[in-house]
């Protein structure tokens, strides 16, 4: 599904609420909260995200799905604990945080669940159903372990071994993740016109938050792109067999789902005898290798498409522990 279609679907879904008079909007939201109508409250939350979040209609499906799960979990909890949804007690939000921690969720998991519950209340306030903002002053657990330590990048040895066992399709996908540092959704949304292997640059048109960026390609990625294009671009000898029905021919990859991409790349890792840990360790490989070479978090953040340099610093790139050895040698 393309970004345009996603935007259209998101906008179409908001009409259920935005077409209502304010009084009716409030009445339906109050009734849904009173009855703990899960489907209606999730619809209200998703509508609020689509209309009022920073990303708006470009809010990713992954974010919407994560918030849906979070709202569902909060509704289950408040039902079991007989919490008044529109008027929660003073200590109810803190108890929910403690409950999530007792379930064994990581600090990041707790924060995500609370973000979803907070979004539900923002949606209810938007609908005029309540003035409650119960999670505003709640203290959330902090994770002192860096993202790079919790989920380290693939090593150079890992990638060399996998590439030795990968076919052209798997090689190209792996290079897009581990050299270009693309998110898997960005890779799957690439079109043939977005890749210029001669100039060694590609254009990401559907980055996180709808942002576009230009990404430098390594020589090996450009070579893989050139070979891939020769076979699978419309008019190529393998195009008719490679391109099934259901996806436009201008897309580079014949499939558009994360799960299908996961299956393809996992197969290469399995043949190489290397544990496949998803796509992000590949992005982290790109970040870590770049920061070791150029020692500039700003430029690395731009390469990875991070809005904040802090995101790059905390979770995707790490300077070597002895980075300053040469600088202090003569002290």
Protein backbone atom coordinates (compact mmCIF):
# COMPACT_ATOMS: atom_id res chain seq x y z
CA UNK A 1 0.00 0.00 0.00
CA UNK A 2 1.39 3.36 -0.92
CA UNK A 3 1.60 6.37 1.31
CA UNK A 4 -1.11 8.11 -0.69
CA UNK A 5 -3.51 5.26 -0.14
CA UNK A 6 -2.66 5.18 3.55
CA UNK A 7 -3.40 8.87 3.86
CA UNK A 8 -6.71 8.45 2.07
CA UNK A 9 -7.73 5.55 4.26
CA UNK A 10 -6.81 7.46 7.40
CA UNK A 11 -8.79 10.51 6.33
CA UNK A 12 -11.79 8.42 5.32
CA UNK A 13 -11.88 6.90 8.79
CA UNK A 14 -12.09 10.28 10.54
CA UNK A 15 -15.47 11.18 9.07
CA UNK A 16 -17.30 9.07 11.63
CA UNK A 17 -16.32 11.68 14.24
CA UNK A 18 -15.62 14.91 12.39
CA UNK A 19 -19.03 14.95 10.74
CA UNK A 20 -20.75 15.09 14.13
CA UNK A 21 -22.07 18.20 15.84
CA UNK A 22 -20.09 19.01 19.00
CA UNK A 23 -22.92 17.90 21.28
CA UNK A 24 -23.29 14.58 19.49
CA UNK A 25 -19.51 14.11 19.45
CA UNK A 26 -19.42 14.57 23.21
CA UNK A 27 -22.42 12.30 23.77
CA UNK A 28 -20.94 9.42 21.79
CA UNK A 29 -17.56 9.72 23.48
CA UNK A 30 -19.15 9.82 26.95
CA UNK A 31 -21.33 6.83 26.14
CA UNK A 32 -18.38 4.85 24.78
CA UNK A 33 -16.33 5.59 27.91
CA UNK A 34 -19.22 4.68 30.21
CA UNK A 35 -19.82 1.40 28.38
CA UNK A 36 -16.11 0.73 27.84
CA UNK A 37 -16.86 0.33 24.15
CA UNK A 38 -13.44 -0.76 22.98
CA UNK A 39 -14.00 -0.45 19.24
CA UNK A 40 -15.49 3.04 19.52
CA UNK A 41 -12.79 4.34 21.86
CA UNK A 42 -10.05 2.96 19.62
CA UNK A 43 -11.71 4.60 16.63
CA UNK A 44 -11.82 7.91 18.53
CA UNK A 45 -8.14 7.62 19.47
CA UNK A 46 -7.03 6.79 15.95
CA UNK A 47 -9.08 9.70 14.61
CA UNK A 48 -7.43 12.04 17.10
CA UNK A 49 -3.97 10.78 16.09
CA UNK A 50 -4.76 11.26 12.42
CA UNK A 51 -6.08 14.78 12.88
CA UNK A 52 -3.98 16.20 15.70
CA UNK A 53 -0.67 14.38 16.05
CA UNK A 54 2.53 15.85 14.65
CA UNK A 55 2.54 13.32 11.80
CA UNK A 56 -1.17 13.69 11.05
CA UNK A 57 -2.33 11.58 8.13
CA UNK A 58 1.26 10.37 7.73
CA UNK A 59 1.14 8.60 11.09
CA UNK A 60 2.51 5.15 10.31
CA UNK A 61 0.44 2.00 10.50
CA UNK A 62 2.91 0.64 13.07
CA UNK A 63 2.25 3.64 15.35
CA UNK A 64 -1.51 3.34 14.96
CA UNK A 65 -1.37 -0.38 15.69
CA UNK A 66 0.85 0.14 18.74
CA UNK A 67 -1.50 2.76 20.16
CA UNK A 68 -4.47 0.49 19.43
CA UNK A 69 -2.89 -2.28 21.48
CA UNK A 70 -2.05 0.19 24.23
CA UNK A 71 -5.59 1.56 24.45
CA UNK A 72 -6.99 -1.96 24.48
CA UNK A 73 -4.67 -2.92 27.35
CA UNK A 74 -5.62 0.15 29.36
CA UNK A 75 -9.32 -0.47 28.89
CA UNK A 76 -8.90 -4.06 30.06
CA UNK A 77 -7.00 -2.90 33.14
CA UNK A 78 -9.46 -0.16 34.10
CA UNK A 79 -12.33 -2.61 33.68
CA UNK A 80 -10.70 -5.20 35.92
CA UNK A 81 -9.85 -2.58 38.54
CA UNK A 82 -13.20 -0.77 38.32
CA UNK A 83 -11.49 2.53 37.46
CA UNK A 84 -13.86 5.33 36.43
CA UNK A 85 -12.59 5.97 32.92
CA UNK A 86 -13.73 9.60 32.66
CA UNK A 87 -12.86 10.48 36.25
CA UNK A 88 -9.94 8.27 37.39
CA UNK A 89 -8.81 8.50 40.98
CA UNK A 90 -5.72 10.38 42.04
CA UNK A 91 -3.59 7.26 42.43
CA UNK A 92 -5.02 5.20 39.56
CA UNK A 93 -2.44 6.30 36.93
CA UNK A 94 0.52 5.46 39.19
CA UNK A 95 -1.04 2.10 39.99
CA UNK A 96 -1.29 1.40 36.26
CA UNK A 97 2.41 2.16 35.79
CA UNK A 98 3.27 -0.17 38.68
CA UNK A 99 1.01 -2.84 37.21
CA UNK A 100 2.80 -2.64 33.85
CA UNK A 101 6.19 -2.93 35.54
CA UNK A 102 4.99 -5.92 37.55
CA UNK A 103 3.98 -7.57 34.27
CA UNK A 104 7.64 -7.45 33.29
CA UNK A 105 7.48 -4.74 30.65
CA UNK A 106 10.67 -2.88 29.91
CA UNK A 107 10.78 0.86 30.65
CA UNK A 108 10.27 1.49 26.93
CA UNK A 109 7.26 -0.83 26.93
CA UNK A 110 5.76 0.95 29.93
CA UNK A 111 6.25 4.32 28.27
CA UNK A 112 4.56 3.11 25.09
CA UNK A 113 1.53 1.79 27.00
CA UNK A 114 1.24 5.03 28.96
CA UNK A 115 1.59 7.08 25.78
CA UNK A 116 -1.35 5.17 24.32
CA UNK A 117 -3.46 5.72 27.44
CA UNK A 118 -2.53 9.42 27.46
CA UNK A 119 -3.55 9.67 23.82
CA UNK A 120 -6.93 8.16 24.69
CA UNK A 121 -7.46 10.95 27.22
CA UNK A 122 -6.37 13.59 24.74
CA UNK A 123 -8.96 12.19 22.36
CA UNK A 124 -11.63 12.24 25.05
CA UNK A 125 -10.78 15.83 25.92
CA UNK A 126 -10.90 16.72 22.22
CA UNK A 127 -14.39 15.22 22.08
CA UNK A 128 -15.44 17.21 25.16
CA UNK A 129 -16.09 14.06 27.19
CA UNK A 130 -13.73 14.85 30.10
CA UNK A 131 -11.18 17.30 31.44
CA UNK A 132 -9.07 14.54 32.95
CA UNK A 133 -5.35 14.40 32.19
CA UNK A 134 -4.37 11.67 34.64
CA UNK A 135 -0.90 10.81 33.33
CA UNK A 136 0.39 14.37 33.17
CA UNK A 137 2.44 14.18 36.38
CA UNK A 138 3.07 10.45 36.56
CA UNK A 139 6.71 9.42 36.96
CA UNK A 140 7.74 6.85 34.39
CA UNK A 141 10.61 4.37 34.71
CA UNK A 142 13.86 5.30 33.02
CA UNK A 143 16.02 2.87 31.13
CA UNK A 144 19.69 3.54 31.87
CA UNK A 145 20.90 0.96 29.35
CA UNK A 146 21.67 2.49 25.96
CA UNK A 147 19.80 1.24 22.93
CA UNK A 148 23.02 0.19 21.24
CA UNK A 149 23.80 -2.11 24.18
CA UNK A 150 20.30 -3.57 24.45
CA UNK A 151 20.07 -4.25 20.74
CA UNK A 152 23.56 -4.16 19.21
CA UNK A 153 24.23 -3.86 15.48
CA UNK A 154 25.18 -6.74 13.26
CA UNK A 155 28.93 -7.17 13.10
CA UNK A 156 31.03 -6.90 9.97
CA UNK A 157 31.63 -10.66 10.22
CA UNK A 158 27.87 -11.30 10.38
CA UNK A 159 27.19 -9.34 7.21
CA UNK A 160 30.12 -10.82 5.27
CA UNK A 161 28.88 -14.32 6.09
CA UNK A 162 25.27 -13.56 5.16
CA UNK A 163 26.24 -11.87 1.90
CA UNK A 164 28.24 -14.96 1.01
CA UNK A 165 25.00 -16.99 1.18
CA UNK A 166 22.55 -14.39 -0.17
CA UNK A 167 21.06 -14.18 -3.65
CA UNK A 168 20.87 -10.90 -5.56
CA UNK A 169 17.46 -10.01 -4.15
CA UNK A 170 18.54 -10.60 -0.54
CA UNK A 171 21.86 -8.84 -1.11
CA UNK A 172 20.18 -5.71 -2.44
CA UNK A 173 17.70 -5.59 0.45
CA UNK A 174 20.46 -6.09 3.03
CA UNK A 175 22.60 -3.34 1.52
CA UNK A 176 19.64 -0.93 1.59
CA UNK A 177 19.28 -1.55 5.32
CA UNK A 178 22.91 -1.91 6.40
CA UNK A 179 24.64 0.57 4.04
CA UNK A 180 21.95 3.11 3.15
CA UNK A 181 20.53 2.77 6.68
CA UNK A 182 16.94 2.63 5.40
CA UNK A 183 14.01 1.63 7.54
CA UNK A 184 12.36 -1.43 6.04
CA UNK A 185 9.23 0.57 5.17
CA UNK A 186 11.41 3.09 3.33
CA UNK A 187 13.10 0.31 1.37
CA UNK A 188 9.79 -1.28 0.38
CA UNK A 189 8.42 2.06 -0.82
CA UNK A 190 11.36 2.71 -3.15
CA UNK A 191 10.53 3.21 -6.81
CA UNK A 192 12.87 2.65 -9.71
CA UNK A 193 13.05 6.38 -10.36
CA UNK A 194 14.29 6.96 -6.78
CA UNK A 195 17.55 5.09 -7.36
CA UNK A 196 20.45 6.63 -9.28
CA UNK A 197 23.22 4.08 -9.12
CA UNK A 198 25.45 6.12 -11.45
CA UNK A 199 25.53 9.11 -9.09
CA UNK A 200 25.29 6.75 -6.10
CA UNK A 201 22.32 8.45 -4.49
CA UNK A 202 18.78 7.36 -3.71
CA UNK A 203 15.74 9.35 -2.64
CA UNK A 204 13.57 8.35 0.29
CA UNK A 205 10.17 9.90 -0.36
CA UNK A 206 8.26 8.31 2.50
CA UNK A 207 10.54 8.68 5.50
CA UNK A 208 9.28 8.79 9.06
CA UNK A 209 6.92 11.72 9.49
CA UNK A 210 6.57 12.00 5.72
CA UNK A 211 10.01 13.57 5.33
CA UNK A 212 12.04 13.17 2.16
CA UNK A 213 15.81 12.80 2.17
CA UNK A 214 18.67 11.95 -0.17
CA UNK A 215 20.88 9.08 0.87
CA UNK A 216 24.40 8.32 -0.32
CA UNK A 217 24.96 4.81 -1.67
CA UNK A 218 28.07 2.74 -1.15
CA UNK A 219 29.82 1.37 -4.22
CA UNK A 220 28.64 -2.14 -3.37
CA UNK A 221 25.04 -0.99 -2.93
CA UNK A 222 25.15 0.87 -6.25
CA UNK A 223 26.53 -2.24 -7.95
CA UNK A 224 23.80 -4.42 -6.42
CA UNK A 225 21.16 -1.88 -7.52
CA UNK A 226 22.49 -1.89 -11.08
CA UNK A 227 22.37 -5.68 -11.30
CA UNK A 228 18.93 -5.78 -9.69
CA UNK A 229 17.59 -3.19 -12.13
CA UNK A 230 18.99 -5.06 -15.15
CA UNK A 231 16.93 -8.11 -14.25
CA UNK A 232 13.77 -6.85 -12.58
CA UNK A 233 12.95 -3.37 -13.84
CA UNK A 234 9.95 -3.30 -16.23
CA UNK A 235 11.25 -4.65 -19.51
CA UNK A 236 13.96 -6.71 -17.81
CA UNK A 237 14.25 -10.46 -18.50
CA UNK A 238 12.94 -11.47 -15.06
CA UNK A 239 10.30 -8.78 -14.58
CA UNK A 240 7.27 -10.78 -15.65
CA UNK A 241 8.09 -13.64 -13.29
CA UNK A 242 9.18 -11.35 -10.47
CA UNK A 243 6.19 -9.00 -10.61
CA UNK A 244 2.94 -10.57 -9.37
CA UNK A 245 -0.40 -8.85 -9.58
CA UNK A 246 -1.42 -6.41 -6.88
CA UNK A 247 1.49 -3.98 -6.79
CA UNK A 248 2.36 -1.24 -9.24
CA UNK A 249 5.39 -1.98 -11.49
CA UNK A 250 7.14 1.28 -10.51
CA UNK A 251 7.95 -0.16 -7.09
CA UNK A 252 11.36 -1.81 -6.82
CA UNK A 253 10.16 -4.67 -4.62
CA UNK A 254 7.27 -6.87 -5.65
CA UNK A 255 5.90 -6.98 -2.10
CA UNK A 256 5.07 -4.20 0.32
CA UNK A 257 4.79 -5.89 3.70
CA UNK A 258 7.35 -6.02 6.47
CA UNK A 259 6.57 -9.68 7.18
CA UNK A 260 7.38 -10.76 3.62
CA UNK A 261 10.64 -8.82 3.68
CA UNK A 262 11.42 -10.42 7.04
CA UNK A 263 10.89 -13.89 5.56
CA UNK A 264 13.21 -13.19 2.62
CA UNK A 265 16.08 -11.81 4.66
CA UNK A 266 15.71 -14.35 7.45
CA UNK A 267 16.24 -17.14 4.91
CA UNK A 268 19.64 -15.72 3.94
CA UNK A 269 20.68 -15.42 7.58
CA UNK A 270 19.59 -18.99 8.26
CA UNK A 271 21.64 -20.32 5.36
CA UNK A 272 24.64 -18.43 6.75
CA UNK A 273 24.10 -19.73 10.26
CA UNK A 274 23.77 -16.17 11.63
CA UNK A 275 20.98 -15.16 13.99
CA UNK A 276 18.52 -12.81 12.30
CA UNK A 277 17.48 -10.07 14.74
CA UNK A 278 15.37 -7.98 12.43
CA UNK A 279 16.16 -4.92 10.34
CA UNK A 280 17.19 -2.36 12.98
CA UNK A 281 20.54 -4.00 13.77
CA UNK A 282 21.37 -3.34 10.13
CA UNK A 283 20.55 0.37 10.51
CA UNK A 284 22.64 0.38 13.65
CA UNK A 285 25.52 -1.15 11.71
CA UNK A 286 25.31 1.76 9.29
CA UNK A 287 25.19 4.28 12.13
CA UNK A 288 28.02 2.75 14.12
CA UNK A 289 30.32 2.39 11.12
CA UNK A 290 29.64 5.95 9.95
CA UNK A 291 30.20 7.53 13.35
CA UNK A 292 33.51 5.68 13.67
CA UNK A 293 34.59 7.13 10.32
CA UNK A 294 33.33 10.72 10.45
CA UNK A 295 32.66 11.30 14.18
CA UNK A 296 29.75 13.61 13.40
CA UNK A 297 26.41 12.66 14.93
CA UNK A 298 24.59 15.32 12.92
CA UNK A 299 25.63 13.89 9.57
CA UNK A 300 24.92 10.34 10.71
CA UNK A 301 21.46 11.41 11.92
CA UNK A 302 20.78 12.91 8.49
CA UNK A 303 21.86 9.67 6.80
CA UNK A 304 19.52 7.60 9.00
CA UNK A 305 16.64 10.06 8.80
CA UNK A 306 16.54 10.92 12.49
CA UNK A 307 14.89 14.18 13.45
CA UNK A 308 16.88 14.37 16.67
CA UNK A 309 20.61 13.80 17.01
CA UNK A 310 19.88 12.40 20.48
CA UNK A 311 18.07 9.46 18.86
CA UNK A 312 21.21 8.67 16.89
CA UNK A 313 23.47 9.12 19.90
CA UNK A 314 21.42 6.97 22.28
CA UNK A 315 20.28 4.12 20.11
CA UNK A 316 21.95 3.86 16.73
CA UNK A 317 25.58 4.87 16.86
CA UNK A 318 28.36 4.74 19.38
CA UNK A 319 31.85 6.15 19.41
CA UNK A 320 34.58 3.63 20.19
CA UNK A 321 35.52 3.57 23.87
CA UNK A 322 39.09 4.65 23.04
CA UNK A 323 38.03 7.34 20.55
CA UNK A 324 40.12 10.02 22.26
CA UNK A 325 43.25 7.93 22.75
CA UNK A 326 45.21 9.75 20.07
CA UNK A 327 44.07 13.20 21.20
CA UNK A 328 45.16 12.72 24.81
CA UNK A 329 48.35 10.76 24.09
CA UNK A 330 50.59 13.81 24.40
CA UNK A 331 49.02 15.28 27.51
